[in-house]
């Protein structure tokens, strides 16, 4: 059984620097499901995307824009809360640390916003947290990332979801990422 990260700062690079590859067809639907009792969630993703479990609570879904051939990812990372034996007491603490770590590990990082975020669950309940959007450079390429952090219903886990793409293709592929996000069920 894999263990889930207890310290978020050790995993900051997981959010930012996952290498991606695969093909995305514009007419693809979210027919595949990734579900995990350990991570306490399920999410739908396109059949043409690759799923990779990177250990330590990290799952990465990779795709490629059909027209531009640019790669993008949706990442989910599970992190213990203080209640679950981890380092961070609240979403605010976790997001504050994320925002302090990104400029250390990337070039030209710029945070564009920070706001509350509510994920509507299929049972009608709401899972609350925070979101931020940022840009940064990696290997002379500018990327944009939409980062969301939520707490599991039992309060023992944080779920960190991120959509990352080259800035030129971010907006074009965001609807697909948003569809994946809407399919995410946190237990």
N, C-alpha and C. Protein backbone atom coordinates (compact mmCIF):
# COMPACT_ATOMS: atom_id res chain seq x y z
N UNK A 1 0.84 -1.18 0.00
CA UNK A 1 0.00 0.00 0.00
C UNK A 1 0.89 1.24 0.00
N UNK A 2 0.53 2.21 -0.82
CA UNK A 2 1.32 3.43 -0.89
C UNK A 2 0.96 4.34 0.28
N UNK A 3 1.93 5.09 0.76
CA UNK A 3 1.62 6.06 1.80
C UNK A 3 1.34 7.40 1.15
N UNK A 4 0.60 8.23 1.84
CA UNK A 4 0.23 9.54 1.33
C UNK A 4 1.17 10.57 1.93
N UNK A 5 1.57 11.56 1.14
CA UNK A 5 2.51 12.58 1.64
C UNK A 5 2.00 13.23 2.91
N UNK A 6 2.89 13.37 3.84
CA UNK A 6 2.59 14.11 5.05
C UNK A 6 3.11 15.54 4.95
N UNK A 7 4.08 15.78 4.09
CA UNK A 7 4.68 17.11 3.98
C UNK A 7 4.55 17.61 2.56
N UNK A 8 3.81 18.67 2.41
CA UNK A 8 3.51 19.24 1.10
C UNK A 8 4.75 19.81 0.42
N UNK A 9 5.63 20.44 1.18
CA UNK A 9 6.78 21.10 0.56
C UNK A 9 7.67 20.11 -0.18
N UNK A 10 7.70 18.87 0.25
CA UNK A 10 8.50 17.85 -0.44
C UNK A 10 7.94 17.54 -1.82
N UNK A 11 6.70 17.87 -2.03
CA UNK A 11 6.05 17.47 -3.27
C UNK A 11 5.73 18.62 -4.21
N UNK A 12 6.21 19.82 -3.93
CA UNK A 12 5.87 20.97 -4.76
C UNK A 12 6.23 20.73 -6.22
N UNK A 13 7.31 20.04 -6.48
CA UNK A 13 7.71 19.81 -7.86
C UNK A 13 6.75 18.89 -8.57
N UNK A 14 6.07 18.04 -7.85
CA UNK A 14 5.09 17.16 -8.46
C UNK A 14 4.01 17.98 -9.16
N UNK A 15 3.58 19.06 -8.54
CA UNK A 15 2.55 19.90 -9.13
C UNK A 15 3.04 20.60 -10.38
N UNK A 16 4.28 20.99 -10.38
CA UNK A 16 4.76 21.88 -11.41
C UNK A 16 5.46 21.16 -12.56
N UNK A 17 6.23 20.12 -12.29
CA UNK A 17 7.14 19.60 -13.29
C UNK A 17 6.87 18.19 -13.79
N UNK A 18 5.65 17.75 -13.82
CA UNK A 18 5.33 16.44 -14.35
C UNK A 18 5.54 16.46 -15.86
N UNK A 19 6.29 15.48 -16.39
CA UNK A 19 6.48 15.37 -17.83
C UNK A 19 5.24 14.71 -18.41
N UNK A 20 4.73 15.26 -19.51
CA UNK A 20 3.48 14.76 -20.07
C UNK A 20 3.66 14.23 -21.48
N UNK A 21 2.80 13.24 -21.82
CA UNK A 21 2.74 12.76 -23.19
C UNK A 21 1.47 11.95 -23.38
N UNK A 22 0.88 12.04 -24.53
CA UNK A 22 -0.30 11.28 -24.94
C UNK A 22 -1.02 12.09 -26.02
N UNK A 23 -2.12 11.55 -26.52
CA UNK A 23 -2.89 12.27 -27.53
C UNK A 23 -4.30 12.52 -27.02
N UNK A 24 -4.86 13.67 -27.35
CA UNK A 24 -6.21 14.02 -26.95
C UNK A 24 -7.04 14.26 -28.21
N UNK A 25 -8.16 13.60 -28.30
CA UNK A 25 -9.08 13.81 -29.41
C UNK A 25 -10.18 14.75 -28.93
N UNK A 26 -10.50 15.78 -29.70
CA UNK A 26 -11.48 16.78 -29.28
C UNK A 26 -12.85 16.18 -28.97
N UNK A 27 -13.20 15.09 -29.62
CA UNK A 27 -14.52 14.51 -29.38
C UNK A 27 -14.50 13.44 -28.28
N UNK A 28 -13.39 13.29 -27.60
CA UNK A 28 -13.26 12.31 -26.54
C UNK A 28 -14.16 12.68 -25.37
N UNK A 29 -14.72 11.69 -24.73
CA UNK A 29 -15.56 11.91 -23.56
C UNK A 29 -14.88 11.34 -22.33
N UNK A 30 -15.39 11.69 -21.18
CA UNK A 30 -14.83 11.24 -19.91
C UNK A 30 -15.39 9.87 -19.56
N UNK A 31 -14.96 8.84 -20.28
CA UNK A 31 -15.52 7.51 -20.09
C UNK A 31 -14.74 6.65 -19.10
N UNK A 32 -13.46 6.94 -18.88
CA UNK A 32 -12.68 6.17 -17.91
C UNK A 32 -12.85 6.76 -16.52
N UNK A 33 -12.73 5.90 -15.51
CA UNK A 33 -12.86 6.34 -14.12
C UNK A 33 -11.65 5.86 -13.33
N UNK A 34 -11.04 6.76 -12.60
CA UNK A 34 -10.02 6.39 -11.62
C UNK A 34 -10.67 6.54 -10.26
N UNK A 35 -10.62 5.48 -9.46
CA UNK A 35 -11.20 5.51 -8.12
C UNK A 35 -10.20 4.89 -7.15
N UNK A 36 -10.13 5.47 -5.96
CA UNK A 36 -9.21 4.95 -4.96
C UNK A 36 -9.80 5.09 -3.57
N UNK A 37 -9.91 3.98 -2.87
CA UNK A 37 -10.32 4.03 -1.46
C UNK A 37 -9.23 4.68 -0.62
N UNK A 38 -7.97 4.42 -0.95
CA UNK A 38 -6.85 5.01 -0.21
C UNK A 38 -6.88 6.53 -0.31
N UNK A 39 -7.09 7.06 -1.51
CA UNK A 39 -7.08 8.50 -1.73
C UNK A 39 -8.45 9.14 -1.48
N UNK A 40 -9.46 8.33 -1.30
CA UNK A 40 -10.83 8.76 -0.96
C UNK A 40 -11.47 9.65 -2.02
N UNK A 41 -11.29 9.29 -3.30
CA UNK A 41 -11.97 10.03 -4.36
C UNK A 41 -12.08 9.19 -5.62
N UNK A 42 -12.89 9.68 -6.55
CA UNK A 42 -12.94 9.14 -7.91
C UNK A 42 -13.06 10.32 -8.87
N UNK A 43 -12.58 10.09 -10.10
CA UNK A 43 -12.63 11.14 -11.13
C UNK A 43 -12.70 10.48 -12.49
N UNK A 44 -13.40 11.12 -13.41
CA UNK A 44 -13.51 10.63 -14.78
C UNK A 44 -12.47 11.33 -15.65
N UNK A 45 -11.99 10.60 -16.68
CA UNK A 45 -11.01 11.18 -17.60
C UNK A 45 -11.17 10.56 -18.99
N UNK A 46 -10.67 11.22 -20.04
CA UNK A 46 -10.83 10.72 -21.42
C UNK A 46 -10.08 9.40 -21.65
N UNK A 47 -10.63 8.59 -22.53
CA UNK A 47 -10.03 7.28 -22.83
C UNK A 47 -8.67 7.40 -23.51
N UNK A 48 -8.42 8.47 -24.23
CA UNK A 48 -7.14 8.63 -24.93
C UNK A 48 -6.03 9.16 -24.03
N UNK A 49 -6.36 9.54 -22.82
CA UNK A 49 -5.36 10.06 -21.90
C UNK A 49 -4.66 8.92 -21.17
N UNK A 50 -3.44 9.18 -20.77
CA UNK A 50 -2.71 8.21 -19.95
C UNK A 50 -2.86 8.58 -18.48
N UNK A 51 -2.95 7.56 -17.68
CA UNK A 51 -3.03 7.71 -16.23
C UNK A 51 -1.73 7.16 -15.66
N UNK A 52 -1.10 7.91 -14.80
CA UNK A 52 0.13 7.44 -14.15
C UNK A 52 0.05 7.75 -12.66
N UNK A 53 0.30 6.73 -11.86
CA UNK A 53 0.40 6.93 -10.42
C UNK A 53 1.88 7.09 -10.10
N UNK A 54 2.23 8.25 -9.56
CA UNK A 54 3.62 8.55 -9.28
C UNK A 54 4.00 8.26 -7.84
N UNK A 55 3.17 7.52 -7.12
CA UNK A 55 3.46 7.21 -5.73
C UNK A 55 3.20 8.40 -4.83
N UNK A 56 3.32 8.16 -3.55
CA UNK A 56 3.16 9.22 -2.55
C UNK A 56 1.87 10.03 -2.73
N UNK A 57 0.79 9.39 -3.18
CA UNK A 57 -0.49 10.07 -3.30
C UNK A 57 -0.67 10.91 -4.54
N UNK A 58 0.19 10.74 -5.55
CA UNK A 58 0.14 11.57 -6.76
C UNK A 58 -0.39 10.76 -7.94
N UNK A 59 -1.42 11.29 -8.59
CA UNK A 59 -1.98 10.69 -9.80
C UNK A 59 -1.95 11.77 -10.88
N UNK A 60 -1.46 11.41 -12.08
CA UNK A 60 -1.34 12.37 -13.17
C UNK A 60 -2.07 11.84 -14.40
N UNK A 61 -2.91 12.68 -14.98
CA UNK A 61 -3.62 12.39 -16.21
C UNK A 61 -2.99 13.28 -17.28
N UNK A 62 -2.58 12.70 -18.41
CA UNK A 62 -1.91 13.50 -19.44
C UNK A 62 -2.68 13.46 -20.75
N UNK A 63 -2.67 14.58 -21.44
CA UNK A 63 -3.31 14.70 -22.73
C UNK A 63 -2.54 15.61 -23.64
N UNK A 64 -3.00 15.68 -24.88
CA UNK A 64 -2.36 16.55 -25.88
C UNK A 64 -3.45 17.22 -26.70
N UNK A 65 -3.32 18.51 -26.90
CA UNK A 65 -4.25 19.26 -27.73
C UNK A 65 -4.15 18.74 -29.17
N UNK A 66 -5.28 18.40 -29.77
CA UNK A 66 -5.30 17.81 -31.11
C UNK A 66 -4.79 18.76 -32.19
N UNK A 67 -5.03 20.05 -32.03
CA UNK A 67 -4.60 21.00 -33.06
C UNK A 67 -3.18 21.50 -32.86
N UNK A 68 -2.84 21.92 -31.67
CA UNK A 68 -1.52 22.50 -31.45
C UNK A 68 -0.46 21.46 -31.07
N UNK A 69 -0.89 20.27 -30.69
CA UNK A 69 0.00 19.19 -30.24
C UNK A 69 0.71 19.53 -28.93
N UNK A 70 0.23 20.55 -28.23
CA UNK A 70 0.83 20.91 -26.95
C UNK A 70 0.27 20.02 -25.84
N UNK A 71 1.13 19.66 -24.90
CA UNK A 71 0.75 18.77 -23.81
C UNK A 71 0.17 19.55 -22.64
N UNK A 72 -0.71 18.88 -21.90
CA UNK A 72 -1.26 19.44 -20.67
C UNK A 72 -1.56 18.31 -19.71
N UNK A 73 -1.71 18.66 -18.43
CA UNK A 73 -1.95 17.65 -17.41
C UNK A 73 -3.05 18.07 -16.46
N UNK A 74 -3.66 17.07 -15.85
CA UNK A 74 -4.47 17.24 -14.65
C UNK A 74 -3.82 16.34 -13.62
N UNK A 75 -3.43 16.93 -12.50
CA UNK A 75 -2.76 16.21 -11.41
C UNK A 75 -3.63 16.26 -10.17
N UNK A 76 -3.60 15.19 -9.41
CA UNK A 76 -4.23 15.17 -8.10
C UNK A 76 -3.21 14.64 -7.11
N UNK A 77 -3.08 15.34 -6.00
CA UNK A 77 -2.18 14.89 -4.94
C UNK A 77 -2.94 14.88 -3.63
N UNK A 78 -2.76 13.81 -2.88
CA UNK A 78 -3.39 13.66 -1.58
C UNK A 78 -2.35 13.90 -0.49
N UNK A 79 -2.72 14.72 0.49
CA UNK A 79 -1.80 15.13 1.55
C UNK A 79 -2.55 15.03 2.88
N UNK A 80 -1.91 14.47 3.90
CA UNK A 80 -2.55 14.41 5.22
C UNK A 80 -2.70 15.81 5.81
N UNK A 81 -3.85 16.04 6.46
CA UNK A 81 -4.06 17.25 7.24
C UNK A 81 -3.41 17.05 8.61
N UNK A 82 -3.37 18.09 9.41
CA UNK A 82 -2.85 17.97 10.78
C UNK A 82 -3.67 16.93 11.55
N UNK A 83 -4.98 16.96 11.36
CA UNK A 83 -5.88 15.99 12.01
C UNK A 83 -5.53 14.56 11.59
N UNK A 84 -5.05 14.39 10.35
CA UNK A 84 -4.69 13.08 9.83
C UNK A 84 -3.24 12.69 10.09
N UNK A 85 -2.50 13.57 10.79
CA UNK A 85 -1.11 13.29 11.10
C UNK A 85 -0.11 14.05 10.25
N UNK A 86 -0.59 15.00 9.46
CA UNK A 86 0.29 15.78 8.58
C UNK A 86 0.71 17.11 9.18
N UNK A 87 1.21 17.97 8.33
CA UNK A 87 1.82 19.23 8.75
C UNK A 87 0.84 20.41 8.78
N UNK A 88 -0.14 20.42 7.88
CA UNK A 88 -0.98 21.60 7.69
C UNK A 88 -2.33 21.46 8.36
N UNK A 89 -2.70 22.52 9.10
CA UNK A 89 -3.96 22.51 9.83
C UNK A 89 -5.15 22.87 8.93
N UNK A 90 -4.92 23.76 7.97
CA UNK A 90 -6.03 24.27 7.17
C UNK A 90 -5.63 24.40 5.70
N UNK A 91 -6.65 24.55 4.87
CA UNK A 91 -6.41 24.83 3.45
C UNK A 91 -5.59 26.10 3.30
N UNK A 92 -5.88 27.10 4.12
CA UNK A 92 -5.12 28.36 4.06
C UNK A 92 -3.64 28.10 4.29
N UNK A 93 -3.30 27.30 5.29
CA UNK A 93 -1.90 26.98 5.57
C UNK A 93 -1.25 26.27 4.38
N UNK A 94 -1.96 25.30 3.80
CA UNK A 94 -1.44 24.56 2.66
C UNK A 94 -1.24 25.47 1.45
N UNK A 95 -2.25 26.30 1.15
CA UNK A 95 -2.14 27.21 0.00
C UNK A 95 -1.05 28.26 0.23
N UNK A 96 -0.93 28.76 1.47
CA UNK A 96 0.15 29.72 1.76
C UNK A 96 1.51 29.09 1.47
N UNK A 97 1.70 27.84 1.87
CA UNK A 97 2.97 27.17 1.64
C UNK A 97 3.20 26.95 0.15
N UNK A 98 2.16 26.53 -0.56
CA UNK A 98 2.26 26.35 -2.01
C UNK A 98 2.73 27.65 -2.67
N UNK A 99 2.09 28.75 -2.30
CA UNK A 99 2.42 30.04 -2.90
C UNK A 99 3.83 30.50 -2.54
N UNK A 100 4.33 30.09 -1.38
CA UNK A 100 5.71 30.47 -1.02
C UNK A 100 6.73 29.56 -1.71
N UNK A 101 6.37 28.32 -2.02
CA UNK A 101 7.30 27.37 -2.62
C UNK A 101 7.43 27.52 -4.14
N UNK A 102 6.36 27.87 -4.81
CA UNK A 102 6.39 27.95 -6.28
C UNK A 102 7.50 28.86 -6.81
N UNK A 103 7.67 30.08 -6.28
CA UNK A 103 8.74 30.95 -6.82
C UNK A 103 10.15 30.38 -6.59
N UNK A 104 10.31 29.54 -5.61
CA UNK A 104 11.61 28.92 -5.34
C UNK A 104 11.93 27.87 -6.40
N UNK A 105 10.91 27.19 -6.91
CA UNK A 105 11.10 26.06 -7.81
C UNK A 105 10.79 26.34 -9.28
N UNK A 106 10.37 27.56 -9.59
CA UNK A 106 10.06 27.91 -10.98
C UNK A 106 10.68 29.26 -11.31
N UNK A 107 10.64 29.60 -12.59
CA UNK A 107 11.12 30.90 -13.04
C UNK A 107 9.92 31.80 -13.31
N UNK A 108 10.05 33.06 -12.98
CA UNK A 108 9.05 34.08 -13.31
C UNK A 108 7.64 33.70 -12.87
N UNK A 109 7.50 33.15 -11.69
CA UNK A 109 6.17 32.78 -11.18
C UNK A 109 5.36 34.02 -10.85
N UNK A 110 4.11 34.03 -11.30
CA UNK A 110 3.19 35.13 -11.02
C UNK A 110 1.84 34.53 -10.66
N UNK A 111 1.37 34.86 -9.47
CA UNK A 111 0.04 34.43 -9.05
C UNK A 111 -0.97 35.47 -9.53
N UNK A 112 -2.01 35.00 -10.20
CA UNK A 112 -2.98 35.89 -10.82
C UNK A 112 -4.19 36.14 -9.94
N UNK A 113 -4.50 35.18 -9.05
CA UNK A 113 -5.67 35.33 -8.19
C UNK A 113 -5.61 34.30 -7.07
N UNK A 114 -6.49 34.46 -6.11
CA UNK A 114 -6.69 33.49 -5.03
C UNK A 114 -8.11 33.72 -4.53
N UNK A 115 -8.88 32.63 -4.45
CA UNK A 115 -10.29 32.77 -4.09
C UNK A 115 -10.81 31.48 -3.46
N UNK A 116 -11.93 31.58 -2.74
CA UNK A 116 -12.58 30.37 -2.25
C UNK A 116 -13.05 29.52 -3.43
N UNK A 117 -13.20 28.23 -3.19
CA UNK A 117 -13.69 27.33 -4.24
C UNK A 117 -14.61 26.30 -3.60
N UNK A 118 -15.75 26.04 -4.23
CA UNK A 118 -16.69 25.02 -3.79
C UNK A 118 -16.87 24.00 -4.89
N UNK A 119 -16.70 22.73 -4.56
CA UNK A 119 -16.94 21.63 -5.49
C UNK A 119 -18.28 21.01 -5.13
N UNK A 120 -19.23 21.08 -6.06
CA UNK A 120 -20.55 20.49 -5.84
C UNK A 120 -20.48 18.98 -6.07
N UNK A 121 -20.83 18.22 -5.07
CA UNK A 121 -20.79 16.76 -5.15
C UNK A 121 -22.11 16.23 -5.71
N UNK A 122 -22.09 15.00 -6.22
CA UNK A 122 -23.29 14.42 -6.83
C UNK A 122 -24.42 14.22 -5.82
N UNK A 123 -24.10 14.11 -4.53
CA UNK A 123 -25.13 13.93 -3.52
C UNK A 123 -25.73 15.26 -3.06
N UNK A 124 -25.31 16.37 -3.70
CA UNK A 124 -25.82 17.68 -3.36
C UNK A 124 -24.99 18.42 -2.33
N UNK A 125 -24.04 17.76 -1.71
CA UNK A 125 -23.18 18.42 -0.72
C UNK A 125 -22.11 19.24 -1.44
N UNK A 126 -21.42 20.04 -0.68
CA UNK A 126 -20.36 20.89 -1.21
C UNK A 126 -19.08 20.63 -0.44
N UNK A 127 -17.98 20.49 -1.16
CA UNK A 127 -16.65 20.40 -0.56
C UNK A 127 -15.98 21.73 -0.83
N UNK A 128 -15.52 22.40 0.24
CA UNK A 128 -14.98 23.75 0.11
C UNK A 128 -13.47 23.79 0.26
N UNK A 129 -12.86 24.80 -0.36
CA UNK A 129 -11.43 24.99 -0.27
C UNK A 129 -11.03 26.31 -0.91
N UNK A 130 -9.85 26.31 -1.53
CA UNK A 130 -9.33 27.50 -2.20
C UNK A 130 -8.82 27.16 -3.59
N UNK A 131 -8.76 28.19 -4.43
CA UNK A 131 -8.18 28.05 -5.76
C UNK A 131 -7.25 29.23 -6.03
N UNK A 132 -6.30 28.99 -6.92
CA UNK A 132 -5.42 30.05 -7.40
C UNK A 132 -5.05 29.74 -8.84
N UNK A 133 -4.68 30.76 -9.57
CA UNK A 133 -4.18 30.61 -10.94
C UNK A 133 -2.82 31.28 -10.98
N UNK A 134 -1.88 30.65 -11.69
CA UNK A 134 -0.54 31.20 -11.76
C UNK A 134 0.07 30.95 -13.12
N UNK A 135 1.10 31.72 -13.44
CA UNK A 135 1.92 31.47 -14.62
C UNK A 135 3.36 31.31 -14.15
N UNK A 136 4.15 30.58 -14.92
CA UNK A 136 5.57 30.38 -14.61
C UNK A 136 6.28 29.88 -15.86
N UNK A 137 7.59 29.94 -15.85
CA UNK A 137 8.39 29.46 -16.97
C UNK A 137 9.12 28.19 -16.59
N UNK A 138 9.24 27.30 -17.58
CA UNK A 138 9.99 26.06 -17.44
C UNK A 138 10.60 25.77 -18.80
N UNK A 139 11.91 25.59 -18.86
CA UNK A 139 12.60 25.31 -20.13
C UNK A 139 12.20 26.30 -21.23
N UNK A 140 12.18 27.57 -20.90
CA UNK A 140 11.88 28.67 -21.83
C UNK A 140 10.43 28.67 -22.33
N UNK A 141 9.57 27.84 -21.76
CA UNK A 141 8.15 27.78 -22.12
C UNK A 141 7.34 28.36 -20.95
N UNK A 142 6.35 29.20 -21.24
CA UNK A 142 5.49 29.75 -20.21
C UNK A 142 4.26 28.86 -20.06
N UNK A 143 3.96 28.50 -18.82
CA UNK A 143 2.81 27.65 -18.49
C UNK A 143 1.85 28.43 -17.61
N UNK A 144 0.60 27.97 -17.65
CA UNK A 144 -0.42 28.50 -16.76
C UNK A 144 -0.99 27.32 -15.99
N UNK A 145 -1.31 27.54 -14.72
CA UNK A 145 -1.82 26.46 -13.87
C UNK A 145 -3.00 26.95 -13.06
N UNK A 146 -4.03 26.11 -12.99
CA UNK A 146 -5.21 26.35 -12.16
C UNK A 146 -5.10 25.35 -11.02
N UNK A 147 -4.92 25.82 -9.81
CA UNK A 147 -4.69 24.97 -8.63
C UNK A 147 -5.87 25.07 -7.69
N UNK A 148 -6.39 23.92 -7.26
CA UNK A 148 -7.50 23.87 -6.31
C UNK A 148 -7.11 22.94 -5.18
N UNK A 149 -7.41 23.36 -3.94
CA UNK A 149 -7.12 22.54 -2.77
C UNK A 149 -8.38 22.42 -1.93
N UNK A 150 -8.73 21.17 -1.62
CA UNK A 150 -9.96 20.87 -0.87
C UNK A 150 -9.63 19.93 0.29
N UNK A 151 -10.56 19.82 1.22
CA UNK A 151 -10.41 18.91 2.35
C UNK A 151 -11.43 17.78 2.23
N UNK A 152 -11.01 16.55 2.53
CA UNK A 152 -11.94 15.41 2.49
C UNK A 152 -13.01 15.59 3.56
N UNK A 153 -14.11 14.89 3.41
CA UNK A 153 -15.23 15.03 4.33
C UNK A 153 -14.87 14.68 5.77
N UNK A 154 -13.95 13.72 5.96
CA UNK A 154 -13.56 13.35 7.32
C UNK A 154 -12.50 14.29 7.90
N UNK A 155 -12.01 15.24 7.10
CA UNK A 155 -11.06 16.23 7.58
C UNK A 155 -9.64 15.72 7.75
N UNK A 156 -9.35 14.51 7.29
CA UNK A 156 -8.02 13.94 7.49
C UNK A 156 -7.10 14.09 6.27
N UNK A 157 -7.68 14.45 5.12
CA UNK A 157 -6.89 14.56 3.89
C UNK A 157 -7.17 15.86 3.17
N UNK A 158 -6.12 16.43 2.58
CA UNK A 158 -6.29 17.50 1.60
C UNK A 158 -6.19 16.84 0.24
N UNK A 159 -6.99 17.32 -0.70
CA UNK A 159 -6.90 16.89 -2.09
C UNK A 159 -6.51 18.12 -2.90
N UNK A 160 -5.38 18.04 -3.56
CA UNK A 160 -4.89 19.15 -4.37
C UNK A 160 -5.01 18.76 -5.84
N UNK A 161 -5.79 19.50 -6.59
CA UNK A 161 -6.07 19.25 -8.01
C UNK A 161 -5.45 20.39 -8.81
N UNK A 162 -4.80 20.06 -9.93
CA UNK A 162 -4.18 21.10 -10.75
C UNK A 162 -4.34 20.78 -12.23
N UNK A 163 -4.68 21.80 -13.00
CA UNK A 163 -4.66 21.73 -14.46
C UNK A 163 -3.54 22.63 -14.91
N UNK A 164 -2.64 22.10 -15.72
CA UNK A 164 -1.45 22.84 -16.20
C UNK A 164 -1.34 22.67 -17.70
N UNK A 165 -1.05 23.78 -18.42
CA UNK A 165 -0.88 23.73 -19.87
C UNK A 165 0.00 24.89 -20.30
N UNK A 166 0.62 24.78 -21.50
CA UNK A 166 1.31 25.96 -22.05
C UNK A 166 0.31 27.11 -22.13
N UNK A 167 0.76 28.31 -21.85
CA UNK A 167 -0.15 29.45 -21.75
C UNK A 167 -0.97 29.63 -23.03
N UNK A 168 -0.39 29.32 -24.19
CA UNK A 168 -1.10 29.50 -25.46
C UNK A 168 -2.29 28.56 -25.62
N UNK A 169 -2.27 27.41 -24.98
CA UNK A 169 -3.37 26.44 -25.13
C UNK A 169 -4.18 26.26 -23.86
N UNK A 170 -3.86 27.01 -22.81
CA UNK A 170 -4.55 26.86 -21.52
C UNK A 170 -6.05 27.08 -21.65
N UNK A 171 -6.47 28.20 -22.21
CA UNK A 171 -7.90 28.52 -22.29
C UNK A 171 -8.66 27.55 -23.19
N UNK A 172 -8.04 27.12 -24.27
CA UNK A 172 -8.72 26.21 -25.20
C UNK A 172 -9.01 24.86 -24.57
N UNK A 173 -8.15 24.40 -23.66
CA UNK A 173 -8.33 23.09 -23.05
C UNK A 173 -8.92 23.14 -21.65
N UNK A 174 -9.13 24.34 -21.13
CA UNK A 174 -9.70 24.46 -19.78
C UNK A 174 -11.09 23.84 -19.67
N UNK A 175 -11.97 23.94 -20.68
CA UNK A 175 -13.28 23.31 -20.53
C UNK A 175 -13.20 21.79 -20.26
N UNK A 176 -12.25 21.11 -20.90
CA UNK A 176 -12.07 19.68 -20.65
C UNK A 176 -11.60 19.45 -19.22
N UNK A 177 -10.63 20.26 -18.76
CA UNK A 177 -10.16 20.16 -17.38
C UNK A 177 -11.30 20.43 -16.40
N UNK A 178 -12.13 21.44 -16.71
CA UNK A 178 -13.27 21.77 -15.84
C UNK A 178 -14.28 20.62 -15.81
N UNK A 179 -14.45 19.91 -16.93
CA UNK A 179 -15.35 18.74 -16.95
C UNK A 179 -14.81 17.63 -16.07
N UNK A 180 -13.50 17.42 -16.12
CA UNK A 180 -12.89 16.43 -15.23
C UNK A 180 -13.10 16.85 -13.78
N UNK A 181 -12.87 18.12 -13.49
CA UNK A 181 -13.05 18.62 -12.13
C UNK A 181 -14.48 18.40 -11.66
N UNK A 182 -15.45 18.67 -12.51
CA UNK A 182 -16.86 18.50 -12.15
C UNK A 182 -17.21 17.03 -11.89
N UNK A 183 -16.43 16.10 -12.46
CA UNK A 183 -16.69 14.68 -12.24
C UNK A 183 -16.03 14.14 -10.98
N UNK A 184 -15.21 14.93 -10.34
CA UNK A 184 -14.43 14.53 -9.17
C UNK A 184 -15.33 14.38 -7.95
N UNK A 185 -15.33 13.22 -7.35
CA UNK A 185 -16.12 12.96 -6.16
C UNK A 185 -15.16 12.64 -5.02
N UNK A 186 -15.18 13.48 -3.99
CA UNK A 186 -14.32 13.29 -2.82
C UNK A 186 -15.16 12.67 -1.71
N UNK A 187 -14.68 11.55 -1.19
CA UNK A 187 -15.42 10.86 -0.12
C UNK A 187 -15.14 11.46 1.24
